[in-house]
Amino acid sequence: MLTLDSITAGYGELTVLTDLSVTLEKGETVCLIGPNGAGKSTVLRVVAGQLRPTKGKVLFNGHDVSGKNCFEKIKMGILFVPQGRNVFPSLSLKENLNLSRIFISEDLFQKRMETVLATFPWMKDKLGDPAGSLSGGLRQMLALSRILLLSPQLVLLDEPSLGLSPLIVDEIFALISSLNQQGISFLLVEQNASKGLSIAHRGYVLESGKNRLTGTGRHLLKDPEVQRLYLGG
């Protein structure tokens, strides 16, 4: 489904990714781990269309999408949930969800809203509340519900566990696994390496914008170097 082929990218004079290659098959969850500054979030921005690579190609379902912008990527089924600021806090839950209307028909929006509210029944009594009044975990669920309205093929998730309690982290990752089982593919960046790799089919360890290690999630969880550097082993 997704191929990053020898990608070099950065910000102005700063090169963050160098000759980086990543693949993701349809139906997979792939997790990127690594130290701060390794380029993990930059990978997501390249795929999302926020940042264009200076070298290499991004292929989605066999088509070169390297030069496509965010709006075009959304219409293709690539949805990005950024780190932290993933909802509009001053808007109500309903207004946050209504933003999806610009991409789909009204009939389809209403039909999918029914599904979203069935999946997240707690939202029904909070639709008029500002999103900023929600806890971090519920904000993450609101962000995920908003993209579900667009029936994504591929979801890009940047640090979904950031700042959340362990119990809520478990709920978020259970939700990601459930959505993946329903056919949605995920490219996930996660500092909580054990959690990220535990739900991932495959993972990549990034360092200084390059691939250092790759393997199945289970293999990387057992890798001595990964355990020493990222799992406290």
Protein backbone atom coordinates (compact mmCIF):
# COMPACT_ATOMS: atom_id res chain seq x y z
CA MET A 1 0.00 0.00 0.00
CA LEU A 2 2.72 2.50 1.00
CA THR A 3 6.35 2.71 -0.05
CA LEU A 4 8.85 5.36 0.95
CA ASP A 5 11.66 4.81 -1.52
CA SER A 6 15.05 6.31 -0.55
CA ILE A 7 13.50 9.46 0.95
CA THR A 8 15.62 12.47 1.83
CA ALA A 9 13.72 15.34 3.46
CA GLY A 10 14.10 18.14 5.98
CA TYR A 11 13.38 21.74 6.84
CA GLY A 12 15.28 24.39 4.92
CA GLU A 13 18.98 23.69 5.28
CA LEU A 14 18.37 21.00 7.89
CA THR A 15 18.27 17.46 6.48
CA VAL A 16 16.33 15.13 8.80
CA LEU A 17 15.76 11.99 6.70
CA THR A 18 18.53 10.53 4.55
CA ASP A 19 17.87 7.76 2.02
CA LEU A 20 15.10 6.33 4.20
CA SER A 21 12.96 3.45 2.96
CA VAL A 22 9.78 2.18 4.65
CA THR A 23 7.02 -0.11 3.38
CA LEU A 24 3.52 -0.85 4.66
CA GLU A 25 1.18 -3.50 3.28
CA LYS A 26 -2.59 -3.14 3.17
CA GLY A 27 -4.06 -4.07 6.55
CA GLU A 28 -0.79 -3.68 8.46
CA THR A 29 0.09 -1.60 11.49
CA VAL A 30 3.70 -0.44 11.23
CA CYS A 31 5.37 1.30 14.18
CA LEU A 32 8.32 3.70 14.01
CA ILE A 33 10.43 4.01 17.16
CA GLY A 34 13.69 5.73 17.94
CA PRO A 35 15.23 8.55 19.98
CA ASN A 36 14.03 12.14 19.87
CA GLY A 37 15.21 13.81 16.68
CA ALA A 38 15.45 10.52 14.76
CA GLY A 39 12.98 11.79 12.14
CA LYS A 40 9.91 9.74 13.06
CA SER A 41 7.39 12.60 12.91
CA THR A 42 9.05 13.90 9.74
CA VAL A 43 8.24 10.57 8.07
CA LEU A 44 4.56 11.11 8.85
CA ARG A 45 4.65 14.67 7.54
CA VAL A 46 6.17 13.49 4.29
CA VAL A 47 3.47 10.84 3.85
CA ALA A 48 0.71 13.28 4.85
CA GLY A 49 1.82 15.86 2.30
CA GLN A 50 2.93 18.51 4.79
CA LEU A 51 6.53 18.13 3.64
CA ARG A 52 7.84 17.26 0.20
CA PRO A 53 10.94 15.08 -0.07
CA THR A 54 13.98 16.54 -1.79
CA LYS A 55 14.92 13.07 -3.05
CA GLY A 56 13.12 9.76 -3.39
CA LYS A 57 9.49 8.85 -3.93
CA VAL A 58 6.36 8.19 -1.90
CA LEU A 59 4.16 5.55 -3.53
CA PHE A 60 0.58 4.92 -2.42
CA ASN A 61 -1.26 1.98 -3.98
CA GLY A 62 1.35 1.99 -6.72
CA HIS A 63 1.01 5.70 -7.59
CA ASP A 64 3.68 8.35 -7.04
CA VAL A 65 2.15 10.81 -4.55
CA SER A 66 5.38 12.59 -3.59
CA GLY A 67 4.13 15.96 -4.83
CA LYS A 68 0.54 15.71 -3.56
CA ASN A 69 -0.60 18.14 -0.86
CA CYS A 70 -2.54 17.38 2.34
CA PHE A 71 -5.96 18.00 0.79
CA GLU A 72 -5.21 15.63 -2.07
CA LYS A 73 -3.86 12.99 0.32
CA ILE A 74 -7.03 13.17 2.44
CA LYS A 75 -9.18 12.61 -0.63
CA MET A 76 -7.02 9.57 -1.43
CA GLY A 77 -7.69 8.10 2.02
CA ILE A 78 -4.52 9.13 3.88
CA LEU A 79 -5.43 10.75 7.22
CA PHE A 80 -3.02 12.31 9.72
CA VAL A 81 -3.59 12.62 13.48
CA PRO A 82 -0.74 14.87 14.68
CA GLN A 83 0.84 14.85 18.10
CA GLY A 84 -0.89 16.78 20.88
CA ARG A 85 -2.88 19.42 19.02
CA ASN A 86 -5.17 17.04 17.21
CA VAL A 87 -8.54 18.77 17.79
CA PHE A 88 -9.80 22.37 17.80
CA PRO A 89 -10.30 23.02 21.54
CA SER A 90 -12.50 26.12 21.17
CA LEU A 91 -14.95 24.29 18.87
CA SER A 92 -17.58 21.90 20.16
CA LEU A 93 -17.30 18.18 19.56
CA LYS A 94 -20.01 18.47 16.93
CA GLU A 95 -18.19 21.32 15.18
CA ASN A 96 -14.96 19.30 15.18
CA LEU A 97 -16.78 16.37 13.59
CA ASN A 98 -18.57 18.64 11.11
CA LEU A 99 -15.22 19.57 9.56
CA SER A 100 -15.36 16.24 7.70
CA ARG A 101 -18.35 17.51 5.74
CA ILE A 102 -16.12 19.34 3.26
CA PHE A 103 -14.82 16.01 1.96
CA ILE A 104 -17.97 13.85 1.71
CA SER A 105 -21.64 14.13 0.83
CA GLU A 106 -24.22 15.05 3.47
CA ASP A 107 -25.95 11.67 3.24
CA LEU A 108 -22.67 9.82 3.71
CA PHE A 109 -21.70 12.10 6.59
CA GLN A 110 -24.96 11.43 8.43
CA LYS A 111 -24.68 7.68 7.90
CA ARG A 112 -21.13 7.58 9.19
CA MET A 113 -22.02 9.83 12.13
CA GLU A 114 -24.44 7.15 13.29
CA THR A 115 -21.62 4.61 13.19
CA VAL A 116 -19.23 6.93 15.04
CA LEU A 117 -21.75 7.64 17.82
CA ALA A 118 -22.43 3.92 18.14
CA THR A 119 -18.69 3.32 18.50
CA PHE A 120 -18.24 6.23 20.94
CA PRO A 121 -21.57 6.45 22.81
CA TRP A 122 -20.11 8.84 25.41
CA MET A 123 -20.06 11.54 22.72
CA LYS A 124 -23.83 11.76 22.42
CA ASP A 125 -24.22 13.85 25.58
CA LYS A 126 -21.13 15.95 24.90
CA LEU A 127 -21.62 17.06 21.28
CA GLY A 128 -22.25 20.65 22.36
CA ASP A 129 -19.29 20.79 24.76
CA PRO A 130 -16.00 22.42 23.71
CA ALA A 131 -13.37 19.89 22.74
CA GLY A 132 -10.98 21.67 25.09
CA SER A 133 -13.03 20.44 28.05
CA LEU A 134 -12.18 16.80 27.28
CA SER A 135 -9.44 14.79 28.92
CA GLY A 136 -6.41 13.91 26.81
CA GLY A 137 -7.72 10.40 26.19
CA LEU A 138 -11.13 11.59 25.04
CA ARG A 139 -9.51 14.17 22.77
CA GLN A 140 -7.55 11.38 21.14
CA MET A 141 -10.78 9.43 20.65
CA LEU A 142 -12.44 12.52 19.16
CA ALA A 143 -9.52 12.90 16.74
CA LEU A 144 -9.83 9.27 15.70
CA SER A 145 -13.61 9.51 15.34
CA ARG A 146 -13.26 12.55 13.09
CA ILE A 147 -11.06 10.68 10.65
CA LEU A 148 -13.35 7.63 10.73
CA LEU A 149 -16.01 9.82 9.14
CA LEU A 150 -13.77 9.89 6.06
CA SER A 151 -13.37 6.09 5.86
CA PRO A 152 -9.56 6.18 5.66
CA GLN A 153 -7.35 3.58 4.03
CA LEU A 154 -4.25 4.66 5.93
CA VAL A 155 -4.06 6.52 9.26
CA LEU A 156 -0.88 8.28 10.33
CA LEU A 157 -0.70 8.50 14.13
CA ASP A 158 1.91 10.63 15.91
CA GLU A 159 2.43 9.73 19.59
CA PRO A 160 -1.16 8.69 20.45
CA SER A 161 -0.15 7.84 24.05
CA LEU A 162 1.50 11.20 24.76
CA GLY A 163 0.55 12.52 28.20
CA LEU A 164 -2.06 9.84 28.87
CA SER A 165 -2.45 7.64 31.96
CA PRO A 166 -1.56 3.94 31.55
CA LEU A 167 -5.23 2.92 31.73
CA ILE A 168 -6.23 5.33 28.97
CA VAL A 169 -3.21 4.28 26.89
CA ASP A 170 -4.50 0.71 27.04
CA GLU A 171 -7.92 1.89 25.79
CA ILE A 172 -6.41 3.89 22.92
CA PHE A 173 -4.24 1.00 21.75
CA ALA A 174 -7.15 -1.43 22.03
CA LEU A 175 -9.13 0.95 19.81
CA ILE A 176 -6.29 1.15 17.27
CA SER A 177 -6.09 -2.65 17.17
CA SER A 178 -9.85 -2.93 16.70
CA LEU A 179 -9.84 -0.42 13.83
CA ASN A 180 -6.91 -2.24 12.24
CA GLN A 181 -8.86 -5.51 12.40
CA GLN A 182 -11.66 -3.71 10.55
CA GLY A 183 -9.26 -3.09 7.65
CA ILE A 184 -7.68 0.30 8.38
CA SER A 185 -3.90 0.41 8.00
CA PHE A 186 -1.79 2.40 10.48
CA LEU A 187 1.63 4.02 10.35
CA LEU A 188 2.36 4.79 13.97
CA VAL A 189 5.03 6.86 15.71
CA GLU A 190 5.27 5.99 19.39
CA GLN A 191 7.73 6.76 22.19
CA ASN A 192 6.13 3.99 24.26
CA ALA A 193 8.01 1.39 22.26
CA SER A 194 6.61 -1.64 24.08
CA LYS A 195 3.02 -0.53 23.47
CA GLY A 196 3.61 0.44 19.86
CA LEU A 197 5.45 -2.72 18.92
CA SER A 198 2.97 -4.93 20.80
CA ILE A 199 0.20 -4.05 18.32
CA ALA A 200 2.43 -3.68 15.24
CA HIS A 201 2.84 -6.25 12.52
CA ARG A 202 6.25 -4.74 11.76
CA GLY A 203 8.46 -1.98 13.11
CA TYR A 204 11.37 0.24 12.17
CA VAL A 205 13.97 1.67 14.53
CA LEU A 206 15.12 5.05 13.25
CA GLU A 207 18.32 6.83 14.20
CA SER A 208 19.54 10.14 12.75
CA GLY A 209 17.03 9.90 9.90
CA LYS A 210 18.09 6.43 8.80
CA ASN A 211 16.84 2.87 9.29
CA ARG A 212 18.84 1.19 12.02
CA LEU A 213 16.76 -1.95 12.60
CA THR A 214 13.61 -3.47 11.16
CA GLY A 215 11.56 -6.57 11.83
CA THR A 216 8.25 -7.84 13.09
CA GLY A 217 6.86 -6.17 16.19
CA ARG A 218 7.40 -9.38 18.16
CA HIS A 219 11.00 -9.72 16.94
CA LEU A 220 11.90 -6.14 17.83
CA LEU A 221 10.36 -6.49 21.30
CA LYS A 222 12.78 -9.37 21.94
CA ASP A 223 15.81 -7.73 20.31
CA PRO A 224 18.48 -7.14 23.00
CA GLU A 225 19.49 -3.77 21.58
CA VAL A 226 15.89 -2.53 21.40
CA GLN A 227 15.31 -3.76 24.95
CA ARG A 228 18.40 -1.95 26.20
CA LEU A 229 17.75 1.34 24.42
CA TYR A 230 13.95 1.65 24.45
CA LEU A 231 12.39 -0.89 26.79
CA GLY A 232 14.51 -0.49 29.88
CA GLY A 233 15.92 -4.00 29.57
